[in-house]
Protein backbone atom coordinates (compact mmCIF):
# COMPACT_ATOMS: atom_id res chain seq x y z
CA MET A 1 3.17 -78.47 -58.41
CA ASN A 2 3.83 -75.08 -60.51
CA ALA A 3 7.66 -74.39 -60.67
CA VAL A 4 8.18 -70.75 -58.40
CA PRO A 5 8.71 -68.14 -61.25
CA GLY A 6 12.15 -66.64 -60.90
CA PRO A 7 13.56 -63.56 -61.13
CA GLN A 8 12.97 -61.85 -64.49
CA PRO A 9 15.15 -60.46 -66.41
CA HIS A 10 13.36 -57.32 -66.33
CA ALA A 11 13.58 -57.01 -62.50
CA VAL A 12 17.42 -57.82 -62.43
CA ALA A 13 18.33 -55.05 -65.32
CA ALA A 14 15.94 -52.33 -62.58
CA ALA A 15 17.70 -53.79 -59.97
CA SER A 16 21.24 -53.33 -61.48
CA ILE A 17 20.04 -49.77 -62.98
CA GLY A 18 18.90 -48.36 -59.80
CA GLY A 19 15.04 -49.13 -60.38
CA PRO A 20 12.26 -49.50 -57.53
CA ALA A 21 14.23 -52.70 -56.74
CA ALA A 22 17.38 -51.26 -56.19
CA ALA A 23 16.04 -48.98 -52.96
CA PRO A 24 16.07 -52.00 -50.57
CA LEU A 25 19.54 -53.39 -51.99
CA ALA A 26 21.07 -49.52 -51.68
CA ALA A 27 19.67 -48.98 -48.13
CA SER A 28 21.27 -52.22 -47.04
CA HIS A 29 24.37 -50.88 -48.37
CA PRO A 30 27.06 -49.39 -45.38
CA ARG A 31 28.48 -46.43 -47.53
CA ALA A 32 24.76 -45.73 -49.45
CA SER A 33 23.34 -45.25 -46.06
CA ARG A 34 25.94 -42.76 -44.88
CA ALA A 35 25.64 -41.00 -47.96
CA HIS A 36 21.59 -40.49 -47.61
CA GLN A 37 21.79 -39.67 -43.81
CA PRO A 38 21.38 -35.72 -43.28
CA ARG A 39 23.70 -33.57 -42.05
CA ARG A 40 24.63 -33.14 -38.44
CA PRO A 41 22.71 -29.67 -36.76
CA ALA A 42 26.59 -28.47 -36.80
CA LEU A 43 27.42 -29.19 -40.11
CA ARG A 44 23.95 -27.58 -41.10
CA ALA A 45 24.65 -24.35 -39.99
CA ALA A 46 27.67 -23.69 -40.57
CA SER A 47 26.02 -24.74 -44.09
CA SER A 48 23.34 -21.94 -44.06
CA VAL A 49 25.33 -18.77 -42.48
CA LEU A 50 27.85 -19.33 -45.54
CA ARG A 51 25.24 -18.73 -47.67
CA ASN A 52 23.75 -15.95 -45.86
CA PRO A 53 25.46 -13.00 -47.23
CA GLN A 54 25.33 -11.37 -44.14
CA GLY A 55 27.23 -14.25 -42.12
CA THR A 56 29.53 -14.83 -45.24
CA LEU A 57 30.43 -11.58 -44.71
CA GLY A 58 31.01 -11.08 -40.98
CA LEU A 59 32.46 -14.71 -40.73
CA GLY A 60 35.16 -12.89 -43.63
CA ILE A 61 35.66 -9.82 -41.58
CA LEU A 62 36.37 -11.80 -37.90
CA LEU A 63 38.36 -13.87 -40.02
CA ALA A 64 40.80 -11.16 -41.26
CA LEU A 65 40.73 -9.28 -38.15
CA VAL A 66 42.03 -12.10 -36.40
CA LEU A 67 45.03 -13.00 -38.97
CA VAL A 68 45.56 -9.20 -38.44
CA ALA A 69 46.24 -10.00 -34.95
CA ILE A 70 48.22 -13.42 -35.39
CA ALA A 71 50.65 -11.69 -38.08
CA ALA A 72 50.73 -7.99 -36.29
CA PRO A 73 54.46 -8.34 -36.64
CA LEU A 74 54.86 -9.44 -40.04
CA LEU A 75 52.46 -6.96 -41.24
CA ALA A 76 52.99 -3.97 -39.33
CA PRO A 77 55.36 -1.02 -41.17
CA TYR A 78 56.86 0.08 -38.47
CA ASP A 79 56.88 -0.59 -34.43
CA PRO A 80 53.80 0.68 -32.65
CA LEU A 81 56.08 2.19 -30.65
CA VAL A 82 58.62 4.27 -31.98
CA GLN A 83 58.54 7.59 -31.96
CA ASN A 84 59.96 9.69 -35.29
CA PRO A 85 60.84 13.53 -33.64
CA GLY A 86 59.57 16.16 -36.80
CA LYS A 87 56.56 13.67 -37.62
CA GLU A 88 54.17 14.49 -35.38
CA MET A 89 50.32 14.29 -36.35
CA ALA A 90 51.92 14.34 -40.24
CA PRO A 91 48.70 13.59 -42.50
CA PRO A 92 48.35 9.98 -44.30
CA SER A 93 51.22 9.67 -47.27
CA GLY A 94 53.40 6.99 -48.68
CA ALA A 95 55.78 6.91 -46.26
CA PHE A 96 52.77 6.41 -43.43
CA LEU A 97 49.54 5.22 -45.08
CA LEU A 98 47.39 6.49 -42.09
CA GLY A 99 48.97 9.34 -40.82
CA THR A 100 51.17 9.68 -37.41
CA ASP A 101 50.00 10.59 -34.06
CA ASN A 102 51.11 13.62 -31.59
CA LEU A 103 53.96 11.07 -30.60
CA GLY A 104 54.91 10.53 -34.25
CA ARG A 105 53.95 6.79 -33.81
CA ASP A 106 52.69 5.95 -37.51
CA LEU A 107 48.67 4.75 -36.92
CA LEU A 108 48.33 2.13 -38.96
CA SER A 109 51.06 0.13 -36.94
CA ARG A 110 49.01 0.59 -33.52
CA ILE A 111 45.78 0.12 -35.36
CA ILE A 112 47.19 -3.39 -36.61
CA PHE A 113 48.72 -4.12 -32.88
CA GLY A 114 45.27 -2.14 -31.15
CA SER A 115 43.52 -5.65 -33.08
CA ARG A 116 45.27 -7.97 -30.30
CA ALA A 117 44.07 -5.86 -27.27
CA SER A 118 40.69 -6.02 -28.53
CA LEU A 119 40.30 -9.72 -29.20
CA LEU A 120 42.28 -11.22 -26.17
CA VAL A 121 39.79 -9.40 -24.13
CA GLY A 122 36.84 -10.73 -26.06
CA VAL A 123 38.01 -14.00 -25.63
CA LEU A 124 39.19 -14.13 -22.11
CA ALA A 125 36.02 -12.48 -21.46
CA VAL A 126 33.28 -14.35 -23.18
CA ALA A 127 35.17 -17.82 -22.72
CA LEU A 128 35.05 -16.95 -18.56
CA GLY A 129 31.98 -15.66 -18.47
CA ALA A 130 30.02 -18.12 -20.76
CA THR A 131 32.01 -20.94 -18.85
CA VAL A 132 30.94 -19.82 -15.13
CA GLY A 133 27.32 -18.80 -16.44
CA ILE A 134 26.10 -21.41 -18.32
CA GLY A 135 27.39 -24.34 -15.93
CA SER A 136 25.92 -22.50 -12.84
CA GLY A 137 22.67 -22.21 -15.21
CA LEU A 138 22.60 -25.62 -16.05
CA LEU A 139 22.86 -26.64 -12.23
CA ALA A 140 20.48 -24.24 -11.34
CA GLY A 141 17.74 -25.05 -13.96
CA PHE A 142 18.24 -28.84 -13.49
CA LEU A 143 18.69 -29.20 -10.06
CA GLY A 144 16.51 -26.19 -8.70
CA GLY A 145 15.37 -26.06 -4.92
CA TRP A 146 17.62 -23.52 -2.68
CA LEU A 147 20.68 -23.73 -5.21
CA ASP A 148 18.64 -22.10 -8.16
CA ALA A 149 17.26 -19.19 -5.23
CA VAL A 150 20.42 -17.89 -4.66
CA LEU A 151 22.57 -18.44 -7.24
CA MET A 152 19.36 -16.42 -9.12
CA ARG A 153 19.01 -14.11 -6.55
CA ALA A 154 22.82 -13.72 -6.92
CA TYR A 155 22.80 -13.04 -9.85
CA ASP A 156 19.94 -10.47 -9.84
CA ALA A 157 22.40 -8.03 -7.51
CA LEU A 158 25.10 -7.84 -10.20
CA LEU A 159 21.66 -7.30 -12.91
CA ALA A 160 21.33 -4.39 -10.69
CA PHE A 161 24.71 -2.31 -11.81
CA PRO A 162 24.98 -1.19 -15.10
CA ALA A 163 27.89 -3.21 -17.01
CA ILE A 164 29.90 -0.71 -17.58
CA LEU A 165 29.88 0.64 -14.01
CA LEU A 166 30.53 -2.84 -12.42
CA GLY A 167 33.66 -2.72 -14.50
CA ILE A 168 34.77 0.18 -13.79
CA GLY A 169 34.52 -0.78 -10.22
CA VAL A 170 35.68 -3.75 -10.60
CA VAL A 171 39.17 -2.58 -12.56
CA ALA A 172 39.40 0.29 -9.80
CA VAL A 173 39.53 -2.16 -6.94
CA LEU A 174 42.20 -4.63 -9.25
CA GLY A 175 43.29 -2.19 -10.90
CA PRO A 176 44.29 -1.30 -14.71
CA GLY A 177 45.52 -4.35 -17.00
CA ILE A 178 44.05 -6.39 -19.89
CA LEU A 179 43.23 -9.51 -17.36
CA ASN A 180 41.77 -7.59 -15.19
CA VAL A 181 39.57 -6.26 -18.12
CA ALA A 182 38.36 -9.53 -19.48
CA LEU A 183 37.75 -10.60 -15.87
CA ALA A 184 35.82 -7.22 -15.06
CA ILE A 185 33.66 -8.19 -18.08
CA ALA A 186 33.21 -11.68 -17.72
CA LEU A 187 31.94 -10.40 -14.12
CA ALA A 188 29.23 -8.46 -16.10
CA GLN A 189 28.55 -11.07 -18.45
CA MET A 190 27.68 -14.17 -16.16
CA PRO A 191 24.25 -13.63 -15.35
CA ASP A 192 22.93 -13.18 -18.80
CA PHE A 193 24.26 -16.69 -19.85
CA ALA A 194 22.83 -18.61 -15.97
CA ARG A 195 19.61 -16.59 -17.31
CA LEU A 196 19.34 -17.68 -20.53
CA THR A 197 21.04 -21.52 -19.57
CA ARG A 198 18.62 -21.59 -16.89
CA ALA A 199 15.65 -21.24 -19.05
CA LEU A 200 16.49 -23.20 -21.41
CA VAL A 201 17.32 -26.11 -19.25
CA ILE A 202 14.23 -25.95 -17.14
CA GLY A 203 11.96 -26.73 -20.56
CA GLU A 204 14.32 -29.07 -20.93
CA ARG A 205 14.36 -31.04 -18.06
CA ARG A 206 10.54 -32.01 -18.48
CA ARG A 207 11.52 -33.26 -22.16
CA GLU A 208 10.71 -37.51 -22.65
CA TYR A 209 14.23 -38.18 -23.47
CA VAL A 210 14.93 -36.87 -19.82
CA GLU A 211 12.86 -39.39 -18.39
CA ALA A 212 14.14 -42.08 -20.25
CA ALA A 213 17.31 -41.30 -19.72
CA ARG A 214 16.98 -41.39 -15.80
CA ASN A 215 14.59 -44.53 -15.77
CA LEU A 216 17.91 -46.50 -17.06
CA GLY A 217 20.20 -45.60 -14.68
CA ALA A 218 21.29 -42.31 -15.61
CA GLY A 219 22.82 -39.86 -12.72
CA SER A 220 21.65 -35.85 -12.84
CA GLY A 221 25.14 -35.37 -13.81
CA ARG A 222 25.45 -37.11 -17.02
CA ILE A 223 22.46 -36.15 -18.10
CA MET A 224 22.98 -32.69 -17.64
CA VAL A 225 25.94 -32.94 -19.39
CA ARG A 226 25.34 -35.66 -21.66
CA HIS A 227 21.86 -35.14 -22.79
CA VAL A 228 20.65 -31.59 -21.49
CA LEU A 229 23.11 -29.45 -22.75
CA PRO A 230 23.52 -30.27 -25.88
CA ASN A 231 19.91 -29.64 -26.91
CA THR A 232 20.53 -25.74 -25.74
CA VAL A 233 23.92 -25.34 -27.86
CA ALA A 234 22.01 -23.41 -30.34
CA PRO A 235 20.93 -20.10 -27.69
CA LEU A 236 24.09 -19.97 -26.44
CA LEU A 237 26.25 -19.65 -29.32
CA VAL A 238 24.04 -16.75 -30.01
CA GLN A 239 24.70 -15.53 -27.25
CA VAL A 240 28.24 -15.80 -27.38
CA SER A 241 28.72 -14.16 -30.15
CA LEU A 242 26.94 -11.53 -28.74
CA ALA A 243 28.83 -11.46 -26.03
CA MET A 244 31.60 -11.44 -28.34
CA GLY A 245 30.60 -7.47 -29.68
CA PHE A 246 29.64 -5.95 -25.84
CA ALA A 247 33.14 -7.33 -24.12
CA ILE A 248 35.01 -5.54 -27.17
CA LEU A 249 33.27 -2.69 -26.98
CA ALA A 250 32.83 -2.68 -22.92
CA GLU A 251 37.17 -2.80 -23.63
CA ALA A 252 37.35 0.35 -25.85
CA ALA A 253 34.90 1.79 -23.04
CA LEU A 254 37.24 1.11 -20.03
CA SER A 255 40.98 2.11 -21.99
CA PHE A 256 38.71 5.36 -23.02
CA LEU A 257 38.72 5.68 -20.05
CA GLY A 258 41.55 5.16 -18.61
CA LEU A 259 41.37 1.69 -17.18
CA GLY A 260 41.84 -1.10 -19.62
CA THR A 261 44.82 -1.48 -21.81
CA GLN A 262 47.54 0.95 -20.48
CA PRO A 263 50.21 3.31 -22.79
CA PRO A 264 52.45 2.87 -24.64
CA THR A 265 50.46 -0.69 -25.70
CA PRO A 266 48.50 0.17 -28.32
CA SER A 267 44.43 -0.29 -27.57
CA TRP A 268 41.95 1.06 -30.29
CA GLY A 269 39.88 2.89 -27.49
CA GLY A 270 42.94 4.75 -26.29
CA MET A 271 43.75 6.35 -29.38
CA LEU A 272 40.55 7.33 -29.61
CA ASN A 273 40.65 9.01 -25.88
CA ASP A 274 43.95 10.39 -27.31
CA SER A 275 42.40 11.43 -30.26
CA ARG A 276 39.98 14.30 -29.26
CA GLN A 277 42.25 17.01 -28.57
CA TYR A 278 42.98 16.83 -32.17
CA LEU A 279 40.15 16.02 -33.70
CA ARG A 280 39.89 19.42 -35.69
CA GLN A 281 44.10 19.80 -36.38
CA ALA A 282 44.31 15.85 -37.73
CA PRO A 283 40.98 14.25 -38.42
CA TRP A 284 41.90 11.55 -39.48
CA TYR A 285 44.14 10.67 -35.92
CA GLY A 286 40.29 9.89 -34.23
CA VAL A 287 38.50 8.13 -37.88
CA TRP A 288 41.11 4.95 -38.02
CA PRO A 289 40.54 3.35 -34.61
CA GLY A 290 37.06 4.18 -34.79
CA VAL A 291 36.63 2.65 -38.07
CA ALA A 292 38.37 -0.52 -36.98
CA LEU A 293 36.11 -0.48 -33.66
CA ALA A 294 33.45 -0.43 -36.13
CA SER A 295 34.58 -2.70 -38.50
CA LEU A 296 35.18 -5.74 -35.92
CA LEU A 297 31.58 -4.81 -34.57
CA ILE A 298 29.74 -4.93 -37.76
CA GLY A 299 31.55 -8.14 -38.77
CA LEU A 300 30.33 -9.85 -34.97
CA ASN A 301 26.88 -8.50 -35.10
CA PHE A 302 26.25 -10.19 -39.49
CA LEU A 303 27.50 -13.18 -37.46
CA SER A 304 25.31 -13.52 -35.09
CA ASP A 305 22.51 -12.34 -37.78
CA ALA A 306 23.32 -15.07 -39.25
CA LEU A 307 23.82 -17.85 -36.29
CA ARG A 308 20.26 -16.53 -35.11
CA ASP A 309 18.49 -17.19 -39.04
CA ALA A 310 20.79 -20.57 -39.05
CA LEU A 311 20.01 -21.98 -35.68
CA ASP A 312 16.40 -21.29 -35.80
CA PRO A 313 14.14 -24.16 -34.73
CA ARG A 314 11.17 -22.94 -37.39
CA ARG A 315 13.85 -22.27 -39.91
CA VAL A 316 15.92 -25.40 -39.71
CA GLY A 317 12.36 -27.59 -40.10
CA LEU A 318 11.99 -25.47 -43.73
CA ARG A 319 15.07 -26.09 -45.11
């Protein structure tokens, strides 16, 4: 009988230095398997956004303005409500870096504190609009039937009104104020989230994994929340970033019309409205609030474009 040959020295050496024989061992090792696992979609998308120059710039602008809003009492050189008699319409100088308004208030301080109103309304409006819109769109798309018909016809009725007119009507009924403005903007955004979610869910509910989960005994609620909704997150994230920009612009428009943040609370839209009659005398009065608002909107647009590219399935498949 011939003896079974033992391991050859060169094979052992190849396994020890990572040659072909080492592949099965490396694959079976827990740390090695974790190291070779593909990154999660969220991490991959975040990495793609940071590699995109537009995404990096947009994220930087947004984070900078958020930090400015949070640290407003520390960054503002003056109280935004304090008037300085004799300093009305003062041009930019060492004492007032961006000049003063018609009441002698420091423009830089008012712009810094005005970022709070814009970001607060944007976050509240998008959070409420996305929660109600996505939830109702998920139910309408997955369950269908009479619920789908009733919800979509209700949202069609809301879409019949232009968003700014709908906001004016809601604020006129409820009264001006930050919370009422956020509610009005959220109401205008619900149809967009609901219709987008419904379209995505209708495409997903026919997939094989939904049938497999149902055959395993999962209920409709579990399938919707645990399986269908996570597969629709990518387009919804892009919609959230776009809705944030719209909400901030709508808040500025309503404040410009006197229906949003009420004086003397600083608001970029209110400052633009107050500066109209002084543009020839003090052009800086209207320029700086406009620059602040435009910077925030540009940052959000850059970020939404980078998110759209990062979460595009066709682009993801190429990476």
